Amino acid sequence: MIDRAGLAAFLRRRRESLQPEDAGLPRGQRRRTSGLRREEVAALCHMSTDYYTRLERERGPRPSVQMIASIAQGLHLSLDERDHLFRLAGHNPPARGVVSEHISPGMLRILDRLDDTPAEIVTELGETLRQSPLGVALTGETTHYTGPARSKGYRWFTDPGTRELYAPQDHSLLSRMYASGLRQIATLRGPGSRAAHYADLLLEQSEEFRGLWDEHEIGVHPSEVKRFIHPKVGALELNCQTLLDPHQSHRLFVYTAVPGTESHEKLRLLSVVGVQALHG
């Protein structure tokens, strides 16, 4: 059963304690509100201001599991706070650990400060959870996929368009890397895991994957430099730095170019072209 008073009080308190810079928002000079405004929280949670306001005023229908998950992420809640929010709304909290898609507040704060850098947060199966604006400009919007197609490794073997962004000379290594990585995760997580399910699907659908799977390769790692073929700015060579959240098995990938190189200039151009494309 929903605890409307407790839910409203908790939302207000968390909103008032979350500062604009914590969520990657400008503070502005005329801010009088302690913490975030309701309309800012609503935007972060991908819902209307009216809907969110009614929750803080103990009104409206009980929010769905999806709505509560969105609010928990928008308010940058910790896992304990997220679970508490679910219980206040009368829902059982989602599972924790490797299957959880709730991004830690610390990792979100880092991503929120990377507006001028391509970056993305992904699961261990390559399912994109969040991207920086320049990350979207570099690789396209990759958070909208559903089902097995959410996994980049799955798309690599089933959707030829996935490979167009990468230099052809790297395709063979990337294929080996995705097959090797999926085998390692499927072994780690067990027969009933999502990784094992993806492997079964790919064995049915991809002859290339079947051949690589039979090789039983483990520990195939990507090159330190990733080579992209971007449709607007052309070839890019970017270094990829990785930050791991061991509790959630989430990875933050940050792509940078060596200053003074052609790729560095193209990345700066992409920051302009990409923004124009996103808003044009």
C-alpha atoms as a PDB file:
ATOM      1  CA  MET A   1       0.000   0.000   0.000  1.00  0.00           C
ATOM      2  CA  ILE A   2       1.253   3.452  -0.875  1.00  0.00           C
ATOM      3  CA  ASP A   3       2.357   5.738   1.961  1.00  0.00           C
ATOM      4  CA  ARG A   4       1.334   9.053   0.404  1.00  0.00           C
ATOM      5  CA  ALA A   5       2.500  11.255   3.265  1.00  0.00           C
ATOM      6  CA  GLY A   6       5.825   9.453   3.569  1.00  0.00           C
ATOM      7  CA  LEU A   7       6.342   9.483  -0.196  1.00  0.00           C
ATOM      8  CA  ALA A   8       5.582  13.197  -0.466  1.00  0.00           C
ATOM      9  CA  ALA A   9       7.862  14.102   2.439  1.00  0.00           C
ATOM     10  CA  PHE A  10      10.713  11.974   1.110  1.00  0.00           C
ATOM     11  CA  LEU A  11      10.455  13.479  -2.389  1.00  0.00           C
ATOM     12  CA  ARG A  12      10.423  17.023  -1.028  1.00  0.00           C
ATOM     13  CA  ARG A  13      13.412  16.380   1.188  1.00  0.00           C
ATOM     14  CA  ARG A  14      15.463  14.768  -1.552  1.00  0.00           C
ATOM     15  CA  ARG A  15      14.554  17.528  -4.031  1.00  0.00           C
ATOM     16  CA  GLU A  16      15.561  20.246  -1.578  1.00  0.00           C
ATOM     17  CA  SER A  17      18.885  18.562  -0.799  1.00  0.00           C
ATOM     18  CA  LEU A  18      19.864  18.016  -4.453  1.00  0.00           C
ATOM     19  CA  GLN A  19      21.792  20.992  -5.809  1.00  0.00           C
ATOM     20  CA  PRO A  20      21.712  22.051  -9.495  1.00  0.00           C
ATOM     21  CA  GLU A  21      25.379  21.251  -9.996  1.00  0.00           C
ATOM     22  CA  ASP A  22      24.763  17.740  -8.619  1.00  0.00           C
ATOM     23  CA  ALA A  23      22.475  17.100 -11.581  1.00  0.00           C
ATOM     24  CA  GLY A  24      24.485  18.950 -14.224  1.00  0.00           C
ATOM     25  CA  LEU A  25      22.153  21.965 -14.201  1.00  0.00           C
ATOM     26  CA  PRO A  26      23.139  25.667 -14.126  1.00  0.00           C
ATOM     27  CA  ARG A  27      22.519  27.379 -10.800  1.00  0.00           C
ATOM     28  CA  GLY A  28      21.622  30.797 -12.207  1.00  0.00           C
ATOM     29  CA  GLN A  29      21.739  34.109 -10.344  1.00  0.00           C
ATOM     30  CA  ARG A  30      18.126  34.423  -9.180  1.00  0.00           C
ATOM     31  CA  ARG A  31      17.684  31.017  -7.565  1.00  0.00           C
ATOM     32  CA  ARG A  32      15.800  31.276  -4.275  1.00  0.00           C
ATOM     33  CA  THR A  33      14.720  27.660  -3.973  1.00  0.00           C
ATOM     34  CA  SER A  34      16.648  25.415  -1.608  1.00  0.00           C
ATOM     35  CA  GLY A  35      17.787  22.645  -3.926  1.00  0.00           C
ATOM     36  CA  LEU A  36      16.004  21.961  -7.203  1.00  0.00           C
ATOM     37  CA  ARG A  37      12.708  23.331  -8.448  1.00  0.00           C
ATOM     38  CA  ARG A  38       9.850  20.925  -9.090  1.00  0.00           C
ATOM     39  CA  GLU A  39       9.988  21.550 -12.819  1.00  0.00           C
ATOM     40  CA  GLU A  40      13.714  20.704 -12.847  1.00  0.00           C
ATOM     41  CA  VAL A  41      13.126  17.430 -11.051  1.00  0.00           C
ATOM     42  CA  ALA A  42      10.237  16.611 -13.379  1.00  0.00           C
ATOM     43  CA  ALA A  43      12.495  17.146 -16.398  1.00  0.00           C
ATOM     44  CA  LEU A  44      15.221  14.963 -14.887  1.00  0.00           C
ATOM     45  CA  CYS A  45      12.620  12.246 -14.252  1.00  0.00           C
ATOM     46  CA  HIS A  46      11.069  12.527 -17.733  1.00  0.00           C
ATOM     47  CA  MET A  47       7.581  13.386 -16.511  1.00  0.00           C
ATOM     48  CA  SER A  48       5.296  16.403 -16.404  1.00  0.00           C
ATOM     49  CA  THR A  49       5.688  19.006 -13.680  1.00  0.00           C
ATOM     50  CA  ASP A  50       2.004  18.572 -12.824  1.00  0.00           C
ATOM     51  CA  TYR A  51       2.418  14.831 -12.270  1.00  0.00           C
ATOM     52  CA  TYR A  52       5.465  15.282 -10.037  1.00  0.00           C
ATOM     53  CA  THR A  53       3.850  18.146  -8.109  1.00  0.00           C
ATOM     54  CA  ARG A  54       0.820  16.003  -7.313  1.00  0.00           C
ATOM     55  CA  LEU A  55       3.083  13.362  -5.793  1.00  0.00           C
ATOM     56  CA  GLU A  56       4.645  15.953  -3.476  1.00  0.00           C
ATOM     57  CA  ARG A  57       1.137  17.083  -2.518  1.00  0.00           C
ATOM     58  CA  GLU A  58      -0.076  13.541  -1.696  1.00  0.00           C
ATOM     59  CA  ARG A  59      -2.390  13.440  -4.704  1.00  0.00           C
ATOM     60  CA  GLY A  60      -2.844  11.515  -7.936  1.00  0.00           C
ATOM     61  CA  PRO A  61      -2.733   7.796  -8.744  1.00  0.00           C
ATOM     62  CA  ARG A  62      -0.103   5.485  -7.328  1.00  0.00           C
ATOM     63  CA  PRO A  63       3.017   5.796  -9.526  1.00  0.00           C
ATOM     64  CA  SER A  64       4.006   2.728 -11.512  1.00  0.00           C
ATOM     65  CA  VAL A  65       7.231   0.792 -11.048  1.00  0.00           C
ATOM     66  CA  GLN A  66       8.616   2.518 -14.152  1.00  0.00           C
ATOM     67  CA  MET A  67       7.751   5.954 -12.790  1.00  0.00           C
ATOM     68  CA  ILE A  68       9.365   5.239  -9.432  1.00  0.00           C
ATOM     69  CA  ALA A  69      12.513   3.941 -11.135  1.00  0.00           C
ATOM     70  CA  SER A  70      12.663   7.124 -13.219  1.00  0.00           C
ATOM     71  CA  ILE A  71      12.223   9.314 -10.134  1.00  0.00           C
ATOM     72  CA  ALA A  72      14.918   7.403  -8.255  1.00  0.00           C
ATOM     73  CA  GLN A  73      17.360   7.946 -11.098  1.00  0.00           C
ATOM     74  CA  GLY A  74      16.379  11.581 -11.639  1.00  0.00           C
ATOM     75  CA  LEU A  75      16.877  12.393  -7.956  1.00  0.00           C
ATOM     76  CA  HIS A  76      20.286  10.634  -7.958  1.00  0.00           C
ATOM     77  CA  LEU A  77      19.226   8.287  -5.152  1.00  0.00           C
ATOM     78  CA  SER A  78      21.525   5.693  -3.660  1.00  0.00           C
ATOM     79  CA  LEU A  79      20.402   2.056  -3.781  1.00  0.00           C
ATOM     80  CA  ASP A  80      19.154   2.218  -0.177  1.00  0.00           C
ATOM     81  CA  GLU A  81      17.213   5.391  -0.957  1.00  0.00           C
ATOM     82  CA  ARG A  82      15.846   3.862  -4.159  1.00  0.00           C
ATOM     83  CA  ASP A  83      14.591   0.796  -2.283  1.00  0.00           C
ATOM     84  CA  HIS A  84      12.975   3.038   0.348  1.00  0.00           C
ATOM     85  CA  LEU A  85      11.229   5.037  -2.380  1.00  0.00           C
ATOM     86  CA  PHE A  86       9.820   1.862  -3.934  1.00  0.00           C
ATOM     87  CA  ARG A  87       8.446   0.705  -0.592  1.00  0.00           C
ATOM     88  CA  LEU A  88       6.855   4.099   0.097  1.00  0.00           C
ATOM     89  CA  ALA A  89       5.071   3.794  -3.260  1.00  0.00           C
ATOM     90  CA  GLY A  90       3.850   0.307  -2.361  1.00  0.00           C
ATOM     91  CA  HIS A  91       6.173  -1.625  -4.684  1.00  0.00           C
ATOM     92  CA  ASN A  92       8.838  -4.238  -4.089  1.00  0.00           C
ATOM     93  CA  PRO A  93      12.315  -2.847  -4.852  1.00  0.00           C
ATOM     94  CA  PRO A  94      14.078  -4.189  -7.952  1.00  0.00           C
ATOM     95  CA  ALA A  95      16.907  -6.682  -7.631  1.00  0.00           C
ATOM     96  CA  ARG A  96      20.340  -5.361  -6.828  1.00  0.00           C
ATOM     97  CA  GLY A  97      23.674  -6.416  -8.255  1.00  0.00           C
ATOM     98  CA  VAL A  98      24.583  -7.227 -11.818  1.00  0.00           C
ATOM     99  CA  VAL A  99      21.013  -7.109 -13.152  1.00  0.00           C
ATOM    100  CA  SER A 100      20.314  -3.679 -11.676  1.00  0.00           C
ATOM    101  CA  GLU A 101      20.106  -0.734 -14.067  1.00  0.00           C
ATOM    102  CA  HIS A 102      20.050   1.929 -11.361  1.00  0.00           C
ATOM    103  CA  ILE A 103      23.133   4.089 -11.913  1.00  0.00           C
ATOM    104  CA  SER A 104      25.030   5.120  -8.785  1.00  0.00           C
ATOM    105  CA  PRO A 105      24.835   8.831  -7.861  1.00  0.00           C
ATOM    106  CA  GLY A 106      28.616   9.168  -8.049  1.00  0.00           C
ATOM    107  CA  MET A 107      28.798   7.840 -11.578  1.00  0.00           C
ATOM    108  CA  LEU A 108      25.899  10.069 -12.614  1.00  0.00           C
ATOM    109  CA  ARG A 109      27.644  13.131 -11.180  1.00  0.00           C
ATOM    110  CA  ILE A 110      30.728  12.361 -13.245  1.00  0.00           C
ATOM    111  CA  LEU A 111      28.696  11.903 -16.426  1.00  0.00           C
ATOM    112  CA  ASP A 112      26.768  15.130 -15.784  1.00  0.00           C
ATOM    113  CA  ARG A 113      30.083  17.021 -15.877  1.00  0.00           C
ATOM    114  CA  LEU A 114      31.100  15.614 -19.255  1.00  0.00           C
ATOM    115  CA  ASP A 115      28.959  17.731 -21.578  1.00  0.00           C
ATOM    116  CA  ASP A 116      31.981  18.497 -23.768  1.00  0.00           C
ATOM    117  CA  THR A 117      33.210  14.889 -23.917  1.00  0.00           C
ATOM    118  CA  PRO A 118      31.761  11.745 -25.515  1.00  0.00           C
ATOM    119  CA  ALA A 119      30.821   9.416 -22.663  1.00  0.00           C
ATOM    120  CA  GLU A 120      28.356   6.632 -21.913  1.00  0.00           C
ATOM    121  CA  ILE A 121      27.363   4.354 -19.053  1.00  0.00           C
ATOM    122  CA  VAL A 122      26.768   0.736 -20.049  1.00  0.00           C
ATOM    123  CA  THR A 123      26.034  -2.591 -18.378  1.00  0.00           C
ATOM    124  CA  GLU A 124      28.414  -5.538 -18.560  1.00  0.00           C
ATOM    125  CA  LEU A 125      26.457  -6.704 -21.636  1.00  0.00           C
ATOM    126  CA  GLY A 126      26.951  -3.414 -23.463  1.00  0.00           C
ATOM    127  CA  GLU A 127      23.431  -2.091 -22.817  1.00  0.00           C
ATOM    128  CA  THR A 128      23.584   1.707 -22.828  1.00  0.00           C
ATOM    129  CA  LEU A 129      21.963   3.302 -19.773  1.00  0.00           C
ATOM    130  CA  ARG A 130      22.972   6.940 -20.239  1.00  0.00           C
ATOM    131  CA  GLN A 131      24.973   9.064 -22.700  1.00  0.00           C
ATOM    132  CA  SER A 132      26.482  12.527 -22.613  1.00  0.00           C
ATOM    133  CA  PRO A 133      25.258  14.905 -25.366  1.00  0.00           C
ATOM    134  CA  LEU A 134      28.547  14.521 -27.246  1.00  0.00           C
ATOM    135  CA  GLY A 135      28.313  10.769 -26.724  1.00  0.00           C
ATOM    136  CA  VAL A 136      25.028  10.824 -28.643  1.00  0.00           C
ATOM    137  CA  ALA A 137      26.673  12.953 -31.339  1.00  0.00           C
ATOM    138  CA  LEU A 138      29.492  10.408 -31.665  1.00  0.00           C
ATOM    139  CA  THR A 139      27.654   7.067 -31.665  1.00  0.00           C
ATOM    140  CA  GLY A 140      24.002   8.062 -32.077  1.00  0.00           C
ATOM    141  CA  GLU A 141      21.246   7.551 -29.517  1.00  0.00           C
ATOM    142  CA  THR A 142      21.726   4.018 -28.190  1.00  0.00           C
ATOM    143  CA  THR A 143      19.449   4.015 -25.143  1.00  0.00           C
ATOM    144  CA  HIS A 144      16.224   3.459 -27.093  1.00  0.00           C
ATOM    145  CA  TYR A 145      16.763  -0.187 -28.023  1.00  0.00           C
ATOM    146  CA  THR A 146      14.614  -2.881 -26.422  1.00  0.00           C
ATOM    147  CA  GLY A 147      15.054  -6.604 -25.830  1.00  0.00           C
ATOM    148  CA  PRO A 148      18.326  -8.314 -26.824  1.00  0.00           C
ATOM    149  CA  ALA A 149      19.052  -5.455 -29.260  1.00  0.00           C
ATOM    150  CA  ARG A 150      19.905  -3.299 -26.243  1.00  0.00           C
ATOM    151  CA  SER A 151      23.224  -5.177 -26.149  1.00  0.00           C
ATOM    152  CA  LYS A 152      25.792  -3.745 -28.522  1.00  0.00           C
ATOM    153  CA  GLY A 153      27.429  -7.143 -28.827  1.00  0.00           C
ATOM    154  CA  TYR A 154      24.131  -8.643 -29.930  1.00  0.00           C
ATOM    155  CA  ARG A 155      23.578  -5.864 -32.478  1.00  0.00           C
ATOM    156  CA  TRP A 156      27.127  -6.354 -33.773  1.00  0.00           C
ATOM    157  CA  PHE A 157      26.198  -9.780 -35.090  1.00  0.00           C
ATOM    158  CA  THR A 158      22.572  -9.128 -36.064  1.00  0.00           C
ATOM    159  CA  ASP A 159      22.441  -5.544 -37.380  1.00  0.00           C
ATOM    160  CA  PRO A 160      24.996  -4.732 -40.126  1.00  0.00           C
ATOM    161  CA  GLY A 161      24.461  -1.006 -39.572  1.00  0.00           C
ATOM    162  CA  THR A 162      26.140  -1.274 -36.171  1.00  0.00           C
ATOM    163  CA  ARG A 163      29.508  -1.856 -37.847  1.00  0.00           C
ATOM    164  CA  GLU A 164      29.385   1.195 -40.094  1.00  0.00           C
ATOM    165  CA  LEU A 165      30.641   3.444 -37.295  1.00  0.00           C
ATOM    166  CA  TYR A 166      33.876   1.486 -36.896  1.00  0.00           C
ATOM    167  CA  ALA A 167      36.949   1.193 -39.129  1.00  0.00           C
ATOM    168  CA  PRO A 168      36.628  -1.951 -41.308  1.00  0.00           C
ATOM    169  CA  GLN A 169      40.140  -3.130 -40.369  1.00  0.00           C
ATOM    170  CA  ASP A 170      38.976  -3.421 -36.745  1.00  0.00           C
ATOM    171  CA  HIS A 171      35.854  -5.483 -37.413  1.00  0.00           C
ATOM    172  CA  SER A 172      37.541  -8.868 -37.031  1.00  0.00           C
ATOM    173  CA  LEU A 173      39.046  -7.980 -33.644  1.00  0.00           C
ATOM    174  CA  LEU A 174      35.774  -6.489 -32.416  1.00  0.00           C
ATOM    175  CA  SER A 175      33.867  -9.620 -33.436  1.00  0.00           C
ATOM    176  CA  ARG A 176      36.312 -11.778 -31.486  1.00  0.00           C
ATOM    177  CA  MET A 177      36.095  -9.388 -28.524  1.00  0.00           C
ATOM    178  CA  TYR A 178      32.276  -9.489 -28.373  1.00  0.00           C
ATOM    179  CA  ALA A 179      32.147 -13.292 -28.654  1.00  0.00           C
ATOM    180  CA  SER A 180      34.902 -13.695 -26.061  1.00  0.00           C
ATOM    181  CA  GLY A 181      33.297 -11.218 -23.668  1.00  0.00           C
ATOM    182  CA  LEU A 182      29.872 -12.814 -23.918  1.00  0.00           C
ATOM    183  CA  ARG A 183      31.324 -16.272 -23.249  1.00  0.00           C
ATOM    184  CA  GLN A 184      33.111 -14.972 -20.168  1.00  0.00           C
ATOM    185  CA  ILE A 185      30.004 -13.253 -18.769  1.00  0.00           C
ATOM    186  CA  ALA A 186      27.723 -16.207 -19.567  1.00  0.00           C
ATOM    187  CA  THR A 187      30.088 -18.520 -17.695  1.00  0.00           C
ATOM    188  CA  LEU A 188      30.299 -16.114 -14.763  1.00  0.00           C
ATOM    189  CA  ARG A 189      26.540 -15.534 -14.474  1.00  0.00           C
ATOM    190  CA  GLY A 190      25.369 -19.063 -15.219  1.00  0.00           C
ATOM    191  CA  PRO A 191      22.995 -20.917 -17.560  1.00  0.00           C
ATOM    192  CA  GLY A 192      19.869 -18.946 -16.665  1.00  0.00           C
ATOM    193  CA  SER A 193      21.460 -15.521 -17.106  1.00  0.00           C
ATOM    194  CA  ARG A 194      20.673 -12.903 -19.723  1.00  0.00           C
ATOM    195  CA  ALA A 195      24.170 -13.390 -21.128  1.00  0.00           C
ATOM    196  CA  ALA A 196      23.511 -17.105 -21.683  1.00  0.00           C
ATOM    197  CA  HIS A 197      20.201 -16.248 -23.360  1.00  0.00           C
ATOM    198  CA  TYR A 198      21.911 -13.800 -25.722  1.00  0.00           C
ATOM    199  CA  ALA A 199      24.508 -16.432 -26.583  1.00  0.00           C
ATOM    200  CA  ASP A 200      21.777 -18.956 -27.426  1.00  0.00           C
ATOM    201  CA  LEU A 201      20.046 -16.409 -29.664  1.00  0.00           C
ATOM    202  CA  LEU A 202      23.252 -15.534 -31.497  1.00  0.00           C
ATOM    203  CA  LEU A 203      24.133 -19.184 -32.014  1.00  0.00           C
ATOM    204  CA  GLU A 204      20.818 -19.509 -33.852  1.00  0.00           C
ATOM    205  CA  GLN A 205      21.059 -16.259 -35.827  1.00  0.00           C
ATOM    206  CA  SER A 206      24.711 -15.643 -36.746  1.00  0.00           C
ATOM    207  CA  GLU A 207      27.044 -17.995 -38.602  1.00  0.00           C
ATOM    208  CA  GLU A 208      29.980 -15.714 -37.793  1.00  0.00           C
ATOM    209  CA  PHE A 209      29.169 -15.864 -34.080  1.00  0.00           C
ATOM    210  CA  ARG A 210      28.879 -19.669 -34.183  1.00  0.00           C
ATOM    211  CA  GLY A 211      32.350 -19.924 -35.680  1.00  0.00           C
ATOM    212  CA  LEU A 212      33.861 -17.603 -33.091  1.00  0.00           C
ATOM    213  CA  TRP A 213      31.998 -19.313 -30.237  1.00  0.00           C
ATOM    214  CA  ASP A 214      33.555 -22.630 -31.237  1.00  0.00           C
ATOM    215  CA  GLU A 215      37.009 -21.096 -30.798  1.00  0.00           C
ATOM    216  CA  HIS A 216      36.422 -20.715 -27.016  1.00  0.00           C
ATOM    217  CA  GLU A 217      38.530 -17.539 -26.884  1.00  0.00           C
ATOM    218  CA  ILE A 218      38.637 -15.703 -23.563  1.00  0.00           C
ATOM    219  CA  GLY A 219      40.197 -12.341 -22.722  1.00  0.00           C
ATOM    220  CA  VAL A 220      40.182 -10.700 -26.149  1.00  0.00           C
ATOM    221  CA  HIS A 221      40.532  -6.994 -25.417  1.00  0.00           C
ATOM    222  CA  PRO A 222      39.946  -4.002 -27.701  1.00  0.00           C
ATOM    223  CA  SER A 223      42.763  -1.824 -28.940  1.00  0.00           C
ATOM    224  CA  GLU A 224      43.679   1.113 -26.713  1.00  0.00           C
ATOM    225  CA  VAL A 225      42.729   3.443 -29.574  1.00  0.00           C
ATOM    226  CA  LYS A 226      39.216   3.161 -31.003  1.00  0.00           C
ATOM    227  CA  ARG A 227      38.810   4.124 -34.652  1.00  0.00           C
ATOM    228  CA  PHE A 228      35.450   5.572 -35.672  1.00  0.00           C
ATOM    229  CA  ILE A 229      34.100   6.472 -39.109  1.00  0.00           C
ATOM    230  CA  HIS A 230      31.627   9.227 -38.336  1.00  0.00           C
ATOM    231  CA  PRO A 231      29.079  10.156 -41.038  1.00  0.00           C
ATOM    232  CA  LYS A 232      29.638  13.909 -40.529  1.00  0.00           C
ATOM    233  CA  VAL A 233      33.278  14.411 -39.536  1.00  0.00           C
ATOM    234  CA  GLY A 234      34.923  11.287 -40.957  1.00  0.00           C
ATOM    235  CA  ALA A 235      37.667   9.191 -39.360  1.00  0.00           C
ATOM    236  CA  LEU A 236      38.382   9.655 -35.647  1.00  0.00           C
ATOM    237  CA  GLU A 237      40.978   7.998 -33.416  1.00  0.00           C
ATOM    238  CA  LEU A 238      39.935   8.226 -29.773  1.00  0.00           C
ATOM    239  CA  ASN A 239      41.318   6.855 -26.538  1.00  0.00           C
ATOM    240  CA  CYS A 240      38.753   5.174 -24.305  1.00  0.00           C
ATOM    241  CA  GLN A 241      39.096   5.431 -20.526  1.00  0.00           C
ATOM    242  CA  THR A 242      36.922   3.198 -18.346  1.00  0.00           C
ATOM    243  CA  LEU A 243      35.540   3.702 -14.851  1.00  0.00           C
ATOM    244  CA  LEU A 244      34.009   0.588 -13.259  1.00  0.00           C
ATOM    245  CA  ASP A 245      31.293   0.473 -10.614  1.00  0.00           C
ATOM    246  CA  PRO A 246      31.986  -2.978  -9.111  1.00  0.00           C
ATOM    247  CA  HIS A 247      28.724  -3.093  -7.166  1.00  0.00           C
ATOM    248  CA  GLN A 248      26.527  -2.598 -10.240  1.00  0.00           C
ATOM    249  CA  SER A 249      28.849  -3.948 -12.964  1.00  0.00           C
ATOM    250  CA  HIS A 250      28.337  -0.678 -14.811  1.00  0.00           C
ATOM    251  CA  ARG A 251      31.093   0.948 -16.841  1.00  0.00           C
ATOM    252  CA  LEU A 252      31.566   4.597 -17.698  1.00  0.00           C
ATOM    253  CA  PHE A 253      33.367   4.953 -21.034  1.00  0.00           C
ATOM    254  CA  VAL A 254      34.996   8.328 -21.737  1.00  0.00           C
ATOM    255  CA  TYR A 255      36.397   9.037 -25.219  1.00  0.00           C
ATOM    256  CA  THR A 256      39.177  11.593 -25.688  1.00  0.00           C
ATOM    257  CA  ALA A 257      41.524  12.644 -28.483  1.00  0.00           C
ATOM    258  CA  VAL A 258      45.183  13.615 -28.186  1.00  0.00           C
ATOM    259  CA  PRO A 259      45.413  17.444 -28.226  1.00  0.00           C
ATOM    260  CA  GLY A 260      46.803  18.861 -31.442  1.00  0.00           C
ATOM    261  CA  THR A 261      45.791  15.880 -33.572  1.00  0.00           C
ATOM    262  CA  GLU A 262      43.315  15.881 -36.437  1.00  0.00           C
ATOM    263  CA  SER A 263      40.966  13.760 -34.348  1.00  0.00           C
ATOM    264  CA  HIS A 264      41.031  16.404 -31.608  1.00  0.00           C
ATOM    265  CA  GLU A 265      39.954  19.075 -34.087  1.00  0.00           C
ATOM    266  CA  LYS A 266      37.243  16.797 -35.490  1.00  0.00           C
ATOM    267  CA  LEU A 267      35.942  16.117 -31.986  1.00  0.00           C
ATOM    268  CA  ARG A 268      35.659  19.862 -31.421  1.00  0.00           C
ATOM    269  CA  LEU A 269      33.797  20.157 -34.722  1.00  0.00           C
ATOM    270  CA  LEU A 270      31.506  17.305 -33.693  1.00  0.00           C
ATOM    271  CA  SER A 271      30.608  19.190 -30.530  1.00  0.00           C
ATOM    272  CA  VAL A 272      29.154  21.915 -32.781  1.00  0.00           C
ATOM    273  CA  VAL A 273      27.737  19.721 -35.531  1.00  0.00           C
ATOM    274  CA  GLY A 274      26.279  17.285 -33.043  1.00  0.00           C
ATOM    275  CA  VAL A 275      24.480  19.929 -31.014  1.00  0.00           C
ATOM    276  CA  GLN A 276      23.045  21.471 -34.178  1.00  0.00           C
ATOM    277  CA  ALA A 277      21.854  18.039 -35.328  1.00  0.00           C
ATOM    278  CA  LEU A 278      20.270  17.304 -31.977  1.00  0.00           C
ATOM    279  CA  HIS A 279      18.340  20.562 -31.907  1.00  0.00           C
ATOM    280  CA  GLY A 280      17.803  21.000 -35.630  1.00  0.00           C
END
